[in-house]
Amino acid sequence: MSADGAWKTTINSPMGVQEGELDITTSGDSFTGTMKGRQGEQPISGKVDGDKLTWSASITSPFPITLEFTVTVNGDAMTGSVKAGAFGSSPLTGVRA
């Protein structure tokens, strides 16, 4: 099933639960979209490998860091993780909005 569309996401990070939204448009083995959260909205782009998506995003608040996302889409559910440098990985879950 395609990952295209809007998603509501939850990340259980060391700084507490972070809720956000993803809007994804796939094209072959890549995708583009937007990621929205407490830190604002930013464009994203990444790779598609079957039902798996990977991308990176840089944030500046509360401090500058690059987040590395790896998620798997299964129907209307998304599961995966977010790696935040020395802070390690945090679980990510999502549902189609």
PDB file of N, CA and C in Angstrom:
ATOM      1  N   MET A   1       0.831  -1.179   0.000  1.00  0.00           N
ATOM      2  CA  MET A   1       0.000   0.000   0.000  1.00  0.00           C
ATOM      3  C   MET A   1       0.880   1.248   0.000  1.00  0.00           C
ATOM      4  N   SER A   2       0.418   2.263  -0.642  1.00  0.00           N
ATOM      5  CA  SER A   2       1.175   3.503  -0.765  1.00  0.00           C
ATOM      6  C   SER A   2       1.230   4.276   0.553  1.00  0.00           C
ATOM      7  N   ALA A   3       2.340   4.966   0.758  1.00  0.00           N
ATOM      8  CA  ALA A   3       2.493   5.827   1.935  1.00  0.00           C
ATOM      9  C   ALA A   3       1.928   7.214   1.668  1.00  0.00           C
ATOM     10  N   ASP A   4       1.434   7.461   0.441  1.00  0.00           N
ATOM     11  CA  ASP A   4       0.929   8.786   0.082  1.00  0.00           C
ATOM     12  C   ASP A   4      -0.188   9.233   1.014  1.00  0.00           C
ATOM     13  N   GLY A   5      -0.167  10.524   1.335  1.00  0.00           N
ATOM     14  CA  GLY A   5      -1.248  11.098   2.117  1.00  0.00           C
ATOM     15  C   GLY A   5      -0.772  11.737   3.395  1.00  0.00           C
ATOM     16  N   ALA A   6      -1.744  12.013   4.265  1.00  0.00           N
ATOM     17  CA  ALA A   6      -1.486  12.681   5.537  1.00  0.00           C
ATOM     18  C   ALA A   6      -1.421  11.660   6.660  1.00  0.00           C
ATOM     19  N   TRP A   7      -0.498  11.894   7.594  1.00  0.00           N
ATOM     20  CA  TRP A   7      -0.272  11.005   8.730  1.00  0.00           C
ATOM     21  C   TRP A   7      -0.190  11.814  10.015  1.00  0.00           C
ATOM     22  N   LYS A   8      -0.741  11.292  11.082  1.00  0.00           N
ATOM     23  CA  LYS A   8      -0.550  11.844  12.425  1.00  0.00           C
ATOM     24  C   LYS A   8       0.477  10.953  13.101  1.00  0.00           C
ATOM     25  N   THR A   9       1.550  11.554  13.622  1.00  0.00           N
ATOM     26  CA  THR A   9       2.642  10.772  14.197  1.00  0.00           C
ATOM     27  C   THR A   9       2.857  11.089  15.675  1.00  0.00           C
ATOM     28  N   THR A  10       3.412  10.106  16.368  1.00  0.00           N
ATOM     29  CA  THR A  10       3.780  10.261  17.774  1.00  0.00           C
ATOM     30  C   THR A  10       5.176   9.687  17.958  1.00  0.00           C
ATOM     31  N   ILE A  11       6.063  10.486  18.557  1.00  0.00           N
ATOM     32  CA  ILE A  11       7.425  10.045  18.857  1.00  0.00           C
ATOM     33  C   ILE A  11       7.583  10.083  20.373  1.00  0.00           C
ATOM     34  N   ASN A  12       7.970   8.959  20.957  1.00  0.00           N
ATOM     35  CA  ASN A  12       8.230   8.901  22.398  1.00  0.00           C
ATOM     36  C   ASN A  12       9.709   9.179  22.633  1.00  0.00           C
ATOM     37  N   SER A  13      10.045  10.462  22.722  1.00  0.00           N
ATOM     38  CA  SER A  13      11.448  10.881  22.814  1.00  0.00           C
ATOM     39  C   SER A  13      11.870  11.077  24.266  1.00  0.00           C
ATOM     40  N   PRO A  14      13.186  11.197  24.506  1.00  0.00           N
ATOM     41  CA  PRO A  14      13.663  11.486  25.861  1.00  0.00           C
ATOM     42  C   PRO A  14      13.116  12.811  26.406  1.00  0.00           C
ATOM     43  N   MET A  15      12.665  13.680  25.515  1.00  0.00           N
ATOM     44  CA  MET A  15      12.110  14.974  25.934  1.00  0.00           C
ATOM     45  C   MET A  15      10.588  14.922  26.029  1.00  0.00           C
ATOM     46  N   GLY A  16      10.028  13.725  26.055  1.00  0.00           N
ATOM     47  CA  GLY A  16       8.581  13.575  26.152  1.00  0.00           C
ATOM     48  C   GLY A  16       7.955  13.218  24.817  1.00  0.00           C
ATOM     49  N   VAL A  17       6.653  13.054  24.842  1.00  0.00           N
ATOM     50  CA  VAL A  17       5.906  12.690  23.638  1.00  0.00           C
ATOM     51  C   VAL A  17       5.859  13.887  22.689  1.00  0.00           C
ATOM     52  N   GLN A  18       6.238  13.646  21.433  1.00  0.00           N
ATOM     53  CA  GLN A  18       6.228  14.669  20.386  1.00  0.00           C
ATOM     54  C   GLN A  18       5.207  14.260  19.333  1.00  0.00           C
ATOM     55  N   GLU A  19       4.148  15.051  19.188  1.00  0.00           N
ATOM     56  CA  GLU A  19       3.140  14.753  18.163  1.00  0.00           C
ATOM     57  C   GLU A  19       3.391  15.619  16.945  1.00  0.00           C
ATOM     58  N   GLY A  20       3.088  15.074  15.780  1.00  0.00           N
ATOM     59  CA  GLY A  20       3.313  15.813  14.553  1.00  0.00           C
ATOM     60  C   GLY A  20       2.451  15.302  13.420  1.00  0.00           C
ATOM     61  N   GLU A  21       2.694  15.868  12.259  1.00  0.00           N
ATOM     62  CA  GLU A  21       1.976  15.484  11.050  1.00  0.00           C
ATOM     63  C   GLU A  21       2.979  15.342   9.909  1.00  0.00           C
ATOM     64  N   LEU A  22       2.724  14.364   9.064  1.00  0.00           N
ATOM     65  CA  LEU A  22       3.494  14.187   7.837  1.00  0.00           C
ATOM     66  C   LEU A  22       2.540  14.237   6.667  1.00  0.00           C
ATOM     67  N   ASP A  23       2.953  14.860   5.576  1.00  0.00           N
ATOM     68  CA  ASP A  23       2.247  14.787   4.301  1.00  0.00           C
ATOM     69  C   ASP A  23       3.256  14.247   3.307  1.00  0.00           C
ATOM     70  N   ILE A  24       2.913  13.109   2.698  1.00  0.00           N
ATOM     71  CA  ILE A  24       3.868  12.372   1.862  1.00  0.00           C
ATOM     72  C   ILE A  24       3.308  12.166   0.459  1.00  0.00           C
ATOM     73  N   THR A  25       4.169  12.385  -0.542  1.00  0.00           N
ATOM     74  CA  THR A  25       3.856  12.070  -1.930  1.00  0.00           C
ATOM     75  C   THR A  25       5.007  11.256  -2.489  1.00  0.00           C
ATOM     76  N   THR A  26       4.742   9.985  -2.804  1.00  0.00           N
ATOM     77  CA  THR A  26       5.798   9.120  -3.334  1.00  0.00           C
ATOM     78  C   THR A  26       5.870   9.209  -4.856  1.00  0.00           C
ATOM     79  N   SER A  27       7.064   8.917  -5.379  1.00  0.00           N
ATOM     80  CA  SER A  27       7.289   8.860  -6.816  1.00  0.00           C
ATOM     81  C   SER A  27       8.410   7.856  -7.052  1.00  0.00           C
ATOM     82  N   GLY A  28       8.027   6.617  -7.376  1.00  0.00           N
ATOM     83  CA  GLY A  28       9.028   5.575  -7.582  1.00  0.00           C
ATOM     84  C   GLY A  28       9.746   5.248  -6.293  1.00  0.00           C
ATOM     85  N   ASP A  29      11.086   5.419  -6.294  1.00  0.00           N
ATOM     86  CA  ASP A  29      11.869   5.060  -5.111  1.00  0.00           C
ATOM     87  C   ASP A  29      12.221   6.271  -4.250  1.00  0.00           C
ATOM     88  N   SER A  30      11.436   7.364  -4.392  1.00  0.00           N
ATOM     89  CA  SER A  30      11.671   8.543  -3.565  1.00  0.00           C
ATOM     90  C   SER A  30      10.338   9.168  -3.157  1.00  0.00           C
ATOM     91  N   PHE A  31      10.414  10.114  -2.220  1.00  0.00           N
ATOM     92  CA  PHE A  31       9.210  10.837  -1.828  1.00  0.00           C
ATOM     93  C   PHE A  31       9.569  12.255  -1.424  1.00  0.00           C
ATOM     94  N   THR A  32       8.567  13.119  -1.440  1.00  0.00           N
ATOM     95  CA  THR A  32       8.680  14.485  -0.944  1.00  0.00           C
ATOM     96  C   THR A  32       7.482  14.746  -0.038  1.00  0.00           C
ATOM     97  N   GLY A  33       7.568  15.809   0.739  1.00  0.00           N
ATOM     98  CA  GLY A  33       6.443  16.149   1.594  1.00  0.00           C
ATOM     99  C   GLY A  33       6.802  17.198   2.607  1.00  0.00           C
ATOM    100  N   THR A  34       5.980  17.266   3.668  1.00  0.00           N
ATOM    101  CA  THR A  34       6.221  18.201   4.753  1.00  0.00           C
ATOM    102  C   THR A  34       6.092  17.477   6.087  1.00  0.00           C
ATOM    103  N   MET A  35       6.812  17.990   7.049  1.00  0.00           N
ATOM    104  CA  MET A  35       6.774  17.482   8.414  1.00  0.00           C
ATOM    105  C   MET A  35       6.436  18.666   9.310  1.00  0.00           C
ATOM    106  N   LYS A  36       5.374  18.514  10.131  1.00  0.00           N
ATOM    107  CA  LYS A  36       4.950  19.587  11.023  1.00  0.00           C
ATOM    108  C   LYS A  36       5.011  19.097  12.457  1.00  0.00           C
ATOM    109  N   GLY A  37       5.438  19.989  13.339  1.00  0.00           N
ATOM    110  CA  GLY A  37       5.496  19.668  14.764  1.00  0.00           C
ATOM    111  C   GLY A  37       5.632  20.947  15.562  1.00  0.00           C
ATOM    112  N   ARG A  38       5.972  20.796  16.840  1.00  0.00           N
ATOM    113  CA  ARG A  38       6.134  21.959  17.711  1.00  0.00           C
ATOM    114  C   ARG A  38       7.186  22.930  17.196  1.00  0.00           C
ATOM    115  N   GLN A  39       8.188  22.411  16.485  1.00  0.00           N
ATOM    116  CA  GLN A  39       9.267  23.264  15.978  1.00  0.00           C
ATOM    117  C   GLN A  39       8.901  23.938  14.664  1.00  0.00           C
ATOM    118  N   GLY A  40       7.678  23.748  14.196  1.00  0.00           N
ATOM    119  CA  GLY A  40       7.256  24.370  12.950  1.00  0.00           C
ATOM    120  C   GLY A  40       7.093  23.354  11.840  1.00  0.00           C
ATOM    121  N   GLU A  41       7.158  23.828  10.624  1.00  0.00           N
ATOM    122  CA  GLU A  41       6.961  22.994   9.434  1.00  0.00           C
ATOM    123  C   GLU A  41       8.193  23.075   8.560  1.00  0.00           C
ATOM    124  N   GLN A  42       8.570  21.931   7.969  1.00  0.00           N
ATOM    125  CA  GLN A  42       9.697  21.936   7.048  1.00  0.00           C
ATOM    126  C   GLN A  42       9.487  20.902   5.958  1.00  0.00           C
ATOM    127  N   PRO A  43      10.034  21.191   4.768  1.00  0.00           N
ATOM    128  CA  PRO A  43       9.951  20.209   3.684  1.00  0.00           C
ATOM    129  C   PRO A  43      10.869  19.024   3.981  1.00  0.00           C
ATOM    130  N   ILE A  44      10.449  17.853   3.534  1.00  0.00           N
ATOM    131  CA  ILE A  44      11.275  16.654   3.663  1.00  0.00           C
ATOM    132  C   ILE A  44      11.319  15.929   2.326  1.00  0.00           C
ATOM    133  N   SER A  45      12.350  15.127   2.141  1.00  0.00           N
ATOM    134  CA  SER A  45      12.450  14.246   0.981  1.00  0.00           C
ATOM    135  C   SER A  45      13.284  13.053   1.409  1.00  0.00           C
ATOM    136  N   GLY A  46      12.979  11.910   0.819  1.00  0.00           N
ATOM    137  CA  GLY A  46      13.696  10.713   1.221  1.00  0.00           C
ATOM    138  C   GLY A  46      13.536   9.585   0.238  1.00  0.00           C
ATOM    139  N   LYS A  47      13.879   8.390   0.717  1.00  0.00           N
ATOM    140  CA  LYS A  47      13.879   7.191  -0.124  1.00  0.00           C
ATOM    141  C   LYS A  47      12.735   6.259   0.240  1.00  0.00           C
ATOM    142  N   VAL A  48      12.235   5.560  -0.770  1.00  0.00           N
ATOM    143  CA  VAL A  48      11.202   4.542  -0.602  1.00  0.00           C
ATOM    144  C   VAL A  48      11.805   3.212  -1.038  1.00  0.00           C
ATOM    145  N   ASP A  49      11.693   2.205  -0.179  1.00  0.00           N
ATOM    146  CA  ASP A  49      12.167   0.852  -0.496  1.00  0.00           C
ATOM    147  C   ASP A  49      11.057  -0.111  -0.087  1.00  0.00           C
ATOM    148  N   GLY A  50      10.155  -0.399  -1.027  1.00  0.00           N
ATOM    149  CA  GLY A  50       8.998  -1.235  -0.707  1.00  0.00           C
ATOM    150  C   GLY A  50       8.073  -0.490   0.235  1.00  0.00           C
ATOM    151  N   ASP A  51       7.884  -1.030   1.443  1.00  0.00           N
ATOM    152  CA  ASP A  51       7.018  -0.372   2.427  1.00  0.00           C
ATOM    153  C   ASP A  51       7.810   0.446   3.440  1.00  0.00           C
ATOM    154  N   LYS A  52       9.118   0.639   3.182  1.00  0.00           N
ATOM    155  CA  LYS A  52       9.995   1.359   4.109  1.00  0.00           C
ATOM    156  C   LYS A  52      10.373   2.728   3.550  1.00  0.00           C
ATOM    157  N   LEU A  53      10.315   3.755   4.419  1.00  0.00           N
ATOM    158  CA  LEU A  53      10.709   5.115   4.063  1.00  0.00           C
ATOM    159  C   LEU A  53      11.831   5.562   4.990  1.00  0.00           C
ATOM    160  N   THR A  54      12.803   6.280   4.443  1.00  0.00           N
ATOM    161  CA  THR A  54      13.894   6.847   5.247  1.00  0.00           C
ATOM    162  C   THR A  54      14.122   8.293   4.827  1.00  0.00           C
ATOM    163  N   TRP A  55      14.407   9.152   5.826  1.00  0.00           N
ATOM    164  CA  TRP A  55      14.734  10.541   5.552  1.00  0.00           C
ATOM    165  C   TRP A  55      15.411  11.163   6.764  1.00  0.00           C
ATOM    166  N   SER A  56      16.001  12.326   6.546  1.00  0.00           N
ATOM    167  CA  SER A  56      16.634  13.094   7.616  1.00  0.00           C
ATOM    168  C   SER A  56      15.983  14.462   7.688  1.00  0.00           C
ATOM    169  N   ALA A  57      15.993  15.041   8.882  1.00  0.00           N
ATOM    170  CA  ALA A  57      15.474  16.391   9.077  1.00  0.00           C
ATOM    171  C   ALA A  57      16.331  17.083  10.118  1.00  0.00           C
ATOM    172  N   SER A  58      16.675  18.336   9.863  1.00  0.00           N
ATOM    173  CA  SER A  58      17.453  19.119  10.816  1.00  0.00           C
ATOM    174  C   SER A  58      16.521  20.052  11.576  1.00  0.00           C
ATOM    175  N   ILE A  59      16.679  20.066  12.903  1.00  0.00           N
ATOM    176  CA  ILE A  59      15.904  20.996  13.714  1.00  0.00           C
ATOM    177  C   ILE A  59      16.881  21.909  14.455  1.00  0.00           C
ATOM    178  N   THR A  60      16.383  23.052  14.888  1.00  0.00           N
ATOM    179  CA  THR A  60      17.230  24.008  15.596  1.00  0.00           C
ATOM    180  C   THR A  60      16.753  24.250  17.023  1.00  0.00           C
ATOM    181  N   SER A  61      15.537  23.795  17.352  1.00  0.00           N
ATOM    182  CA  SER A  61      14.995  24.033  18.685  1.00  0.00           C
ATOM    183  C   SER A  61      14.586  22.708  19.313  1.00  0.00           C
ATOM    184  N   PRO A  62      14.922  22.393  20.514  1.00  0.00           N
ATOM    185  CA  PRO A  62      15.546  23.282  21.495  1.00  0.00           C
ATOM    186  C   PRO A  62      17.051  23.437  21.282  1.00  0.00           C
ATOM    187  N   PHE A  63      17.643  22.652  20.382  1.00  0.00           N
ATOM    188  CA  PHE A  63      19.047  22.795  20.025  1.00  0.00           C
ATOM    189  C   PHE A  63      19.238  22.172  18.645  1.00  0.00           C
ATOM    190  N   PRO A  64      20.280  22.568  17.922  1.00  0.00           N
ATOM    191  CA  PRO A  64      20.491  22.027  16.577  1.00  0.00           C
ATOM    192  C   PRO A  64      20.840  20.530  16.611  1.00  0.00           C
ATOM    193  N   ILE A  65      20.119  19.754  15.813  1.00  0.00           N
ATOM    194  CA  ILE A  65      20.394  18.317  15.706  1.00  0.00           C
ATOM    195  C   ILE A  65      19.759  17.801  14.420  1.00  0.00           C
ATOM    196  N   THR A  66      20.351  16.766  13.853  1.00  0.00           N
ATOM    197  CA  THR A  66      19.780  16.109  12.680  1.00  0.00           C
ATOM    198  C   THR A  66      19.102  14.824  13.138  1.00  0.00           C
ATOM    199  N   LEU A  67      17.850  14.680  12.769  1.00  0.00           N
ATOM    200  CA  LEU A  67      17.071  13.485  13.091  1.00  0.00           C
ATOM    201  C   LEU A  67      17.051  12.568  11.881  1.00  0.00           C
ATOM    202  N   GLU A  68      17.227  11.263  12.115  1.00  0.00           N
ATOM    203  CA  GLU A  68      17.198  10.277  11.042  1.00  0.00           C
ATOM    204  C   GLU A  68      15.999   9.360  11.253  1.00  0.00           C
ATOM    205  N   PHE A  69      15.076   9.378  10.294  1.00  0.00           N
ATOM    206  CA  PHE A  69      13.826   8.634  10.389  1.00  0.00           C
ATOM    207  C   PHE A  69      13.879   7.357   9.553  1.00  0.00           C
ATOM    208  N   THR A  70      13.354   6.267  10.106  1.00  0.00           N
ATOM    209  CA  THR A  70      13.152   5.015   9.379  1.00  0.00           C
ATOM    210  C   THR A  70      11.782   4.498   9.789  1.00  0.00           C
ATOM    211  N   VAL A  71      10.860   4.399   8.818  1.00  0.00           N
ATOM    212  CA  VAL A  71       9.507   3.938   9.129  1.00  0.00           C
ATOM    213  C   VAL A  71       9.057   2.888   8.128  1.00  0.00           C
ATOM    214  N   THR A  72       8.132   2.057   8.582  1.00  0.00           N
ATOM    215  CA  THR A  72       7.501   1.055   7.728  1.00  0.00           C
ATOM    216  C   THR A  72       6.010   1.321   7.713  1.00  0.00           C
ATOM    217  N   VAL A  73       5.426   1.341   6.519  1.00  0.00           N
ATOM    218  CA  VAL A  73       3.997   1.576   6.355  1.00  0.00           C
ATOM    219  C   VAL A  73       3.312   0.242   6.123  1.00  0.00           C
ATOM    220  N   ASN A  74       2.251  -0.004   6.899  1.00  0.00           N
ATOM    221  CA  ASN A  74       1.460  -1.222   6.758  1.00  0.00           C
ATOM    222  C   ASN A  74      -0.004  -0.806   6.780  1.00  0.00           C
ATOM    223  N   GLY A  75      -0.593  -0.628   5.595  1.00  0.00           N
ATOM    224  CA  GLY A  75      -1.972  -0.170   5.504  1.00  0.00           C
ATOM    225  C   GLY A  75      -2.099   1.251   6.014  1.00  0.00           C
ATOM    226  N   ASP A  76      -2.909   1.436   7.068  1.00  0.00           N
ATOM    227  CA  ASP A  76      -3.120   2.761   7.629  1.00  0.00           C
ATOM    228  C   ASP A  76      -2.285   2.990   8.883  1.00  0.00           C
ATOM    229  N   ALA A  77      -1.242   2.170   9.080  1.00  0.00           N
ATOM    230  CA  ALA A  77      -0.374   2.295  10.249  1.00  0.00           C
ATOM    231  C   ALA A  77       1.072   2.501   9.810  1.00  0.00           C
ATOM    232  N   MET A  78       1.805   3.237  10.639  1.00  0.00           N
ATOM    233  CA  MET A  78       3.220   3.508  10.405  1.00  0.00           C
ATOM    234  C   MET A  78       3.960   3.214  11.712  1.00  0.00           C
ATOM    235  N   THR A  79       5.063   2.484  11.613  1.00  0.00           N
ATOM    236  CA  THR A  79       5.890   2.231  12.789  1.00  0.00           C
ATOM    237  C   THR A  79       7.346   2.431  12.395  1.00  0.00           C
ATOM    238  N   GLY A  80       8.160   2.789  13.362  1.00  0.00           N
ATOM    239  CA  GLY A  80       9.565   2.979  13.061  1.00  0.00           C
ATOM    240  C   GLY A  80      10.296   3.643  14.200  1.00  0.00           C
ATOM    241  N   SER A  81      11.369   4.366  13.836  1.00  0.00           N
ATOM    242  CA  SER A  81      12.183   5.001  14.857  1.00  0.00           C
ATOM    243  C   SER A  81      12.794   6.285  14.326  1.00  0.00           C
ATOM    244  N   VAL A  82      13.213   7.113  15.275  1.00  0.00           N
ATOM    245  CA  VAL A  82      13.896   8.368  14.980  1.00  0.00           C
ATOM    246  C   VAL A  82      15.205   8.351  15.752  1.00  0.00           C
ATOM    247  N   LYS A  83      16.321   8.450  15.028  1.00  0.00           N
ATOM    248  CA  LYS A  83      17.623   8.500  15.679  1.00  0.00           C
ATOM    249  C   LYS A  83      18.018   9.960  15.839  1.00  0.00           C
ATOM    250  N   ALA A  84      18.347  10.329  17.090  1.00  0.00           N
ATOM    251  CA  ALA A  84      18.698  11.715  17.401  1.00  0.00           C
ATOM    252  C   ALA A  84      20.112  11.774  17.956  1.00  0.00           C
ATOM    253  N   GLY A  85      21.077  11.515  17.090  1.00  0.00           N
ATOM    254  CA  GLY A  85      22.480  11.608  17.468  1.00  0.00           C
ATOM    255  C   GLY A  85      22.809  10.839  18.728  1.00  0.00           C
ATOM    256  N   ALA A  86      23.488  11.485  19.686  1.00  0.00           N
ATOM    257  CA  ALA A  86      23.923  10.848  20.928  1.00  0.00           C
ATOM    258  C   ALA A  86      22.750  10.462  21.834  1.00  0.00           C
ATOM    259  N   PHE A  87      21.549  10.965  21.520  1.00  0.00           N
ATOM    260  CA  PHE A  87      20.378  10.639  22.335  1.00  0.00           C
ATOM    261  C   PHE A  87      19.785   9.279  21.982  1.00  0.00           C
ATOM    262  N   GLY A  88      20.303   8.635  20.938  1.00  0.00           N
ATOM    263  CA  GLY A  88      19.824   7.306  20.563  1.00  0.00           C
ATOM    264  C   GLY A  88      18.539   7.365  19.762  1.00  0.00           C
ATOM    265  N   SER A  89      17.865   6.214  19.697  1.00  0.00           N
ATOM    266  CA  SER A  89      16.647   6.089  18.907  1.00  0.00           C
ATOM    267  C   SER A  89      15.412   6.120  19.790  1.00  0.00           C
ATOM    268  N   SER A  90      14.358   6.702  19.231  1.00  0.00           N
ATOM    269  CA  SER A  90      13.055   6.757  19.905  1.00  0.00           C
ATOM    270  C   SER A  90      12.016   6.147  18.978  1.00  0.00           C
ATOM    271  N   PRO A  91      11.026   5.434  19.535  1.00  0.00           N
ATOM    272  CA  PRO A  91       9.994   4.827  18.690  1.00  0.00           C
ATOM    273  C   PRO A  91       9.047   5.871  18.110  1.00  0.00           C
ATOM    274  N   LEU A  92       8.636   5.615  16.878  1.00  0.00           N
ATOM    275  CA  LEU A  92       7.674   6.463  16.174  1.00  0.00           C
ATOM    276  C   LEU A  92       6.496   5.593  15.752  1.00  0.00           C
ATOM    277  N   THR A  93       5.290   6.074  15.979  1.00  0.00           N
ATOM    278  CA  THR A  93       4.089   5.418  15.467  1.00  0.00           C
ATOM    279  C   THR A  93       3.262   6.458  14.738  1.00  0.00           C
ATOM    280  N   GLY A  94       2.464   6.010  13.793  1.00  0.00           N
ATOM    281  CA  GLY A  94       1.622   6.927  13.053  1.00  0.00           C
ATOM    282  C   GLY A  94       0.373   6.242  12.543  1.00  0.00           C
ATOM    283  N   VAL A  95      -0.643   7.050  12.290  1.00  0.00           N
ATOM    284  CA  VAL A  95      -1.886   6.570  11.697  1.00  0.00           C
ATOM    285  C   VAL A  95      -2.251   7.517  10.569  1.00  0.00           C
ATOM    286  N   ARG A  96      -2.869   6.954   9.556  1.00  0.00           N
ATOM    287  CA  ARG A  96      -3.300   7.773   8.421  1.00  0.00           C
ATOM    288  C   ARG A  96      -4.369   8.742   8.906  1.00  0.00           C
ATOM    289  N   ALA A  97      -4.206  10.004   8.534  1.00  0.00           N
ATOM    290  CA  ALA A  97      -5.136  11.045   9.000  1.00  0.00           C
ATOM    291  C   ALA A  97      -6.361  11.125   8.094  1.00  0.00           C
TER     292      ALA A  97
END
